[in-house]
N, C-alpha and C. Protein backbone atom coordinates (compact mmCIF):
# COMPACT_ATOMS: atom_id res chain seq x y z
N MET A 1 119.84 119.42 109.79
CA MET A 1 118.95 118.41 110.31
C MET A 1 118.43 117.50 109.21
N HIS A 2 118.30 118.03 108.00
CA HIS A 2 117.73 117.24 106.91
C HIS A 2 118.57 116.00 106.63
N THR A 3 119.89 116.12 106.64
CA THR A 3 120.76 114.97 106.38
C THR A 3 120.62 113.93 107.49
N ALA A 4 120.63 114.39 108.72
CA ALA A 4 120.51 113.47 109.85
C ALA A 4 119.18 112.73 109.80
N LEU A 5 118.12 113.44 109.50
CA LEU A 5 116.80 112.82 109.42
C LEU A 5 116.72 111.83 108.27
N SER A 6 117.32 112.17 107.15
CA SER A 6 117.32 111.26 106.00
C SER A 6 118.07 109.97 106.30
N VAL A 7 119.22 110.09 106.95
CA VAL A 7 120.00 108.90 107.30
C VAL A 7 119.24 108.06 108.33
N HIS A 8 118.65 108.73 109.32
CA HIS A 8 117.85 108.03 110.34
C HIS A 8 116.67 107.31 109.69
N TYR A 9 116.04 107.96 108.76
CA TYR A 9 114.88 107.40 108.07
C TYR A 9 115.30 106.20 107.19
N PHE A 10 116.40 106.34 106.45
CA PHE A 10 116.90 105.24 105.62
C PHE A 10 117.28 104.04 106.49
N TRP A 11 117.97 104.30 107.59
CA TRP A 11 118.42 103.21 108.45
C TRP A 11 117.22 102.49 109.08
N ALA A 12 116.10 103.17 109.24
CA ALA A 12 114.90 102.55 109.80
C ALA A 12 114.44 101.38 108.94
N TYR A 13 114.59 101.48 107.62
CA TYR A 13 114.24 100.36 106.75
C TYR A 13 115.13 99.15 107.04
N ILE A 14 116.39 99.39 107.28
CA ILE A 14 117.32 98.29 107.60
C ILE A 14 116.95 97.67 108.93
N VAL A 15 116.56 98.51 109.90
CA VAL A 15 116.15 98.00 111.21
C VAL A 15 114.92 97.10 111.06
N ILE A 16 113.95 97.53 110.28
CA ILE A 16 112.74 96.73 110.10
C ILE A 16 113.08 95.38 109.47
N LEU A 17 113.91 95.39 108.45
CA LEU A 17 114.32 94.12 107.84
C LEU A 17 115.04 93.24 108.84
N ALA A 18 115.90 93.83 109.66
CA ALA A 18 116.66 93.05 110.64
C ALA A 18 115.76 92.46 111.72
N VAL A 19 114.78 93.22 112.21
CA VAL A 19 113.93 92.67 113.27
C VAL A 19 112.98 91.60 112.72
N ILE A 20 112.60 91.72 111.47
CA ILE A 20 111.79 90.65 110.87
C ILE A 20 112.64 89.39 110.69
N TRP A 21 113.89 89.56 110.27
CA TRP A 21 114.82 88.45 110.14
C TRP A 21 115.07 87.81 111.52
N ALA A 22 115.08 88.62 112.58
CA ALA A 22 115.37 88.13 113.93
C ALA A 22 114.32 87.14 114.42
N ILE A 23 113.14 87.20 113.88
CA ILE A 23 112.09 86.27 114.32
C ILE A 23 112.48 84.84 113.99
N TRP A 24 113.16 84.63 112.87
CA TRP A 24 113.46 83.27 112.41
C TRP A 24 114.90 82.83 112.61
N GLN A 25 115.85 83.73 112.70
CA GLN A 25 117.26 83.33 112.73
C GLN A 25 117.98 83.89 113.96
N PRO A 26 118.76 83.08 114.64
CA PRO A 26 119.54 83.58 115.78
C PRO A 26 120.53 84.68 115.39
N LEU A 27 121.16 84.56 114.23
CA LEU A 27 122.07 85.62 113.79
C LEU A 27 121.30 86.92 113.54
N GLY A 28 120.08 86.81 113.08
CA GLY A 28 119.25 87.99 112.86
C GLY A 28 118.97 88.75 114.14
N ARG A 29 118.91 88.04 115.26
CA ARG A 29 118.68 88.70 116.55
C ARG A 29 119.84 89.61 116.90
N ARG A 30 121.03 89.12 116.69
CA ARG A 30 122.21 89.93 116.98
C ARG A 30 122.30 91.11 116.02
N VAL A 31 122.04 90.87 114.76
CA VAL A 31 122.05 91.95 113.77
C VAL A 31 120.98 92.99 114.10
N ALA A 32 119.81 92.53 114.53
CA ALA A 32 118.72 93.45 114.88
C ALA A 32 119.11 94.32 116.07
N LEU A 33 119.75 93.74 117.06
CA LEU A 33 120.16 94.54 118.22
C LEU A 33 121.19 95.59 117.84
N TRP A 34 122.15 95.21 117.00
CA TRP A 34 123.14 96.19 116.55
C TRP A 34 122.51 97.26 115.67
N ALA A 35 121.56 96.87 114.84
CA ALA A 35 120.87 97.86 114.01
C ALA A 35 120.08 98.84 114.87
N LEU A 36 119.49 98.33 115.95
CA LEU A 36 118.76 99.21 116.87
C LEU A 36 119.70 100.16 117.60
N VAL A 37 120.90 99.70 117.93
CA VAL A 37 121.88 100.59 118.57
C VAL A 37 122.31 101.71 117.62
N VAL A 38 122.56 101.34 116.37
CA VAL A 38 122.92 102.36 115.38
C VAL A 38 121.76 103.34 115.19
N GLN A 39 120.54 102.83 115.19
CA GLN A 39 119.37 103.70 115.05
C GLN A 39 119.26 104.66 116.22
N LEU A 40 119.60 104.20 117.42
CA LEU A 40 119.60 105.08 118.58
C LEU A 40 120.60 106.22 118.41
N VAL A 41 121.80 105.88 117.96
CA VAL A 41 122.83 106.90 117.74
C VAL A 41 122.37 107.89 116.68
N LEU A 42 121.77 107.40 115.62
CA LEU A 42 121.26 108.29 114.57
C LEU A 42 120.11 109.15 115.10
N GLY A 43 119.26 108.59 115.97
CA GLY A 43 118.19 109.37 116.56
C GLY A 43 118.72 110.48 117.45
N ILE A 44 119.78 110.19 118.19
CA ILE A 44 120.41 111.24 119.00
C ILE A 44 120.97 112.33 118.11
N TRP A 45 121.55 111.94 116.98
CA TRP A 45 122.07 112.91 116.01
C TRP A 45 120.93 113.79 115.48
N VAL A 46 119.80 113.18 115.15
CA VAL A 46 118.64 113.95 114.67
C VAL A 46 118.18 114.92 115.76
N PHE A 47 118.10 114.43 116.98
CA PHE A 47 117.65 115.28 118.08
C PHE A 47 118.63 116.42 118.33
N ALA A 48 119.92 116.12 118.24
CA ALA A 48 120.94 117.16 118.43
C ALA A 48 120.96 118.17 117.28
N SER A 49 120.46 117.75 116.13
CA SER A 49 120.42 118.64 114.96
C SER A 49 119.25 119.61 114.99
N GLY A 50 118.35 119.44 115.94
CA GLY A 50 117.27 120.41 116.06
C GLY A 50 115.86 119.88 116.03
N ALA A 51 115.67 118.59 115.96
CA ALA A 51 114.30 118.04 115.96
C ALA A 51 113.81 118.00 117.40
N ARG A 52 112.86 118.85 117.73
CA ARG A 52 112.38 118.93 119.10
C ARG A 52 110.94 118.44 119.26
N HIS A 53 110.27 118.11 118.19
CA HIS A 53 108.87 117.71 118.27
C HIS A 53 108.71 116.21 117.97
N VAL A 54 109.38 115.40 118.78
CA VAL A 54 109.31 113.95 118.61
C VAL A 54 108.14 113.42 119.45
N ASN A 55 107.36 112.55 118.84
CA ASN A 55 106.27 111.90 119.56
C ASN A 55 106.88 111.10 120.71
N PRO A 56 106.40 111.27 121.94
CA PRO A 56 107.01 110.54 123.06
C PRO A 56 106.90 109.02 122.96
N TRP A 57 105.96 108.52 122.19
CA TRP A 57 105.83 107.08 122.00
C TRP A 57 106.93 106.53 121.10
N HIS A 58 107.54 107.38 120.28
CA HIS A 58 108.57 106.93 119.35
C HIS A 58 109.77 106.33 120.09
N PRO A 59 110.41 107.05 121.01
CA PRO A 59 111.53 106.43 121.74
C PRO A 59 111.07 105.35 122.72
N ALA A 60 109.86 105.47 123.26
CA ALA A 60 109.37 104.45 124.19
C ALA A 60 109.18 103.11 123.48
N LEU A 61 108.63 103.15 122.28
CA LEU A 61 108.46 101.90 121.51
C LEU A 61 109.79 101.36 121.03
N TRP A 62 110.74 102.25 120.72
CA TRP A 62 112.08 101.79 120.35
C TRP A 62 112.68 101.01 121.51
N LEU A 63 112.57 101.57 122.73
CA LEU A 63 113.11 100.90 123.90
C LEU A 63 112.42 99.56 124.13
N ALA A 64 111.11 99.53 123.97
CA ALA A 64 110.37 98.27 124.12
C ALA A 64 110.85 97.24 123.11
N ALA A 65 111.06 97.66 121.86
CA ALA A 65 111.54 96.73 120.83
C ALA A 65 112.91 96.18 121.21
N ALA A 66 113.81 97.05 121.62
CA ALA A 66 115.16 96.61 121.98
C ALA A 66 115.13 95.65 123.17
N LEU A 67 114.34 95.97 124.19
CA LEU A 67 114.28 95.11 125.37
C LEU A 67 113.61 93.78 125.08
N LEU A 68 112.55 93.78 124.30
CA LEU A 68 111.88 92.52 123.98
C LEU A 68 112.76 91.62 123.13
N ILE A 69 113.46 92.18 122.16
CA ILE A 69 114.34 91.36 121.33
C ILE A 69 115.49 90.81 122.17
N GLN A 70 116.04 91.64 123.06
CA GLN A 70 117.12 91.17 123.93
C GLN A 70 116.62 90.08 124.87
N ALA A 71 115.44 90.26 125.45
CA ALA A 71 114.88 89.24 126.34
C ALA A 71 114.64 87.93 125.59
N GLY A 72 114.13 88.03 124.37
CA GLY A 72 113.93 86.83 123.56
C GLY A 72 115.23 86.13 123.22
N THR A 73 116.26 86.92 122.96
CA THR A 73 117.57 86.35 122.66
C THR A 73 118.14 85.62 123.87
N ILE A 74 118.02 86.22 125.03
CA ILE A 74 118.52 85.58 126.25
C ILE A 74 117.75 84.30 126.54
N MET A 75 116.43 84.35 126.42
CA MET A 75 115.62 83.15 126.67
C MET A 75 115.90 82.06 125.64
N ALA A 76 116.15 82.44 124.40
CA ALA A 76 116.42 81.44 123.37
C ALA A 76 117.73 80.70 123.63
N LYS A 77 118.69 81.37 124.27
CA LYS A 77 119.95 80.70 124.60
C LYS A 77 119.74 79.66 125.70
N ARG A 78 118.79 79.91 126.58
CA ARG A 78 118.53 78.98 127.68
C ARG A 78 117.63 77.82 127.26
N ASN A 79 116.59 78.13 126.51
CA ASN A 79 115.68 77.07 126.03
C ASN A 79 114.97 77.57 124.79
N SER A 80 114.68 76.65 123.91
CA SER A 80 113.96 77.04 122.70
C SER A 80 112.47 76.82 122.94
N GLY A 81 111.70 77.31 122.03
CA GLY A 81 110.26 77.15 122.17
C GLY A 81 109.53 78.39 121.70
N PRO A 82 108.24 78.44 122.00
CA PRO A 82 107.44 79.55 121.49
C PRO A 82 107.65 80.87 122.22
N VAL A 83 108.07 80.83 123.50
CA VAL A 83 108.17 82.08 124.27
C VAL A 83 109.24 83.02 123.72
N PRO A 84 110.48 82.57 123.46
CA PRO A 84 111.46 83.50 122.89
C PRO A 84 111.02 84.05 121.54
N THR A 85 110.43 83.21 120.72
CA THR A 85 109.97 83.67 119.41
C THR A 85 108.85 84.69 119.56
N LEU A 86 107.97 84.49 120.52
CA LEU A 86 106.90 85.44 120.76
C LEU A 86 107.45 86.78 121.24
N LEU A 87 108.44 86.76 122.13
CA LEU A 87 109.04 88.01 122.59
C LEU A 87 109.70 88.77 121.45
N ILE A 88 110.39 88.05 120.58
CA ILE A 88 111.06 88.69 119.46
C ILE A 88 110.03 89.23 118.47
N ALA A 89 108.95 88.49 118.27
CA ALA A 89 107.88 88.97 117.38
C ALA A 89 107.22 90.22 117.95
N LEU A 90 107.01 90.26 119.27
CA LEU A 90 106.46 91.46 119.90
C LEU A 90 107.43 92.64 119.77
N GLY A 91 108.73 92.35 119.89
CA GLY A 91 109.73 93.39 119.67
C GLY A 91 109.70 93.90 118.24
N ALA A 92 109.51 93.00 117.30
CA ALA A 92 109.39 93.41 115.89
C ALA A 92 108.15 94.28 115.68
N ALA A 93 107.05 93.92 116.35
CA ALA A 93 105.83 94.72 116.25
C ALA A 93 106.06 96.12 116.82
N CYS A 94 106.77 96.20 117.94
CA CYS A 94 107.09 97.52 118.51
C CYS A 94 107.98 98.32 117.55
N ALA A 95 108.91 97.65 116.89
CA ALA A 95 109.78 98.34 115.94
C ALA A 95 108.97 98.86 114.75
N VAL A 96 108.02 98.07 114.29
CA VAL A 96 107.18 98.51 113.17
C VAL A 96 106.32 99.71 113.59
N LEU A 97 105.78 99.67 114.80
CA LEU A 97 105.00 100.81 115.29
C LEU A 97 105.88 102.06 115.44
N THR A 98 107.10 101.86 115.89
CA THR A 98 108.04 102.98 115.99
C THR A 98 108.30 103.57 114.61
N PHE A 99 108.48 102.70 113.64
CA PHE A 99 108.69 103.15 112.26
C PHE A 99 107.49 103.95 111.76
N HIS A 100 106.29 103.46 112.06
CA HIS A 100 105.08 104.16 111.64
C HIS A 100 104.97 105.54 112.28
N LEU A 101 105.26 105.62 113.57
CA LEU A 101 105.23 106.92 114.24
C LEU A 101 106.27 107.87 113.68
N GLY A 102 107.43 107.32 113.32
CA GLY A 102 108.46 108.16 112.68
C GLY A 102 108.02 108.69 111.35
N GLN A 103 107.38 107.82 110.55
CA GLN A 103 106.86 108.28 109.27
C GLN A 103 105.78 109.33 109.45
N ALA A 104 104.89 109.12 110.41
CA ALA A 104 103.83 110.09 110.66
C ALA A 104 104.41 111.42 111.12
N GLY A 105 105.47 111.37 111.90
CA GLY A 105 106.11 112.60 112.36
C GLY A 105 106.79 113.35 111.23
N VAL A 106 107.38 112.60 110.29
CA VAL A 106 108.05 113.25 109.16
C VAL A 106 107.03 113.89 108.22
N THR A 107 105.93 113.22 107.99
CA THR A 107 104.93 113.78 107.07
C THR A 107 104.21 114.96 107.70
N ALA A 108 104.18 115.03 109.04
CA ALA A 108 103.50 116.15 109.70
C ALA A 108 104.37 117.40 109.72
N MET A 109 105.66 117.28 109.40
CA MET A 109 106.55 118.44 109.46
C MET A 109 106.29 119.42 108.37
């Protein structure tokens, strides 16, 4: 489990950078969504490796981040303006909160 958790934890830094980049760049939105998908696969690997004490807000906030970024991406293709950027920024905030909960969970182990 230690290897899976380390890889999941390292990849979380890449996800955070990608979602922050997604606020300003359309290519960053696509990269952020793919980074979130990889993070999901790594999270499943961590869970399958034996981590059973995951904060329930951790996956819920991950899902919120993924859905908000995707909604912002779809809206940005239809029209530009403050609403798509706001949705992506809220998704980035959810990703940062997810990262914080993950860090808190690792330090509590």
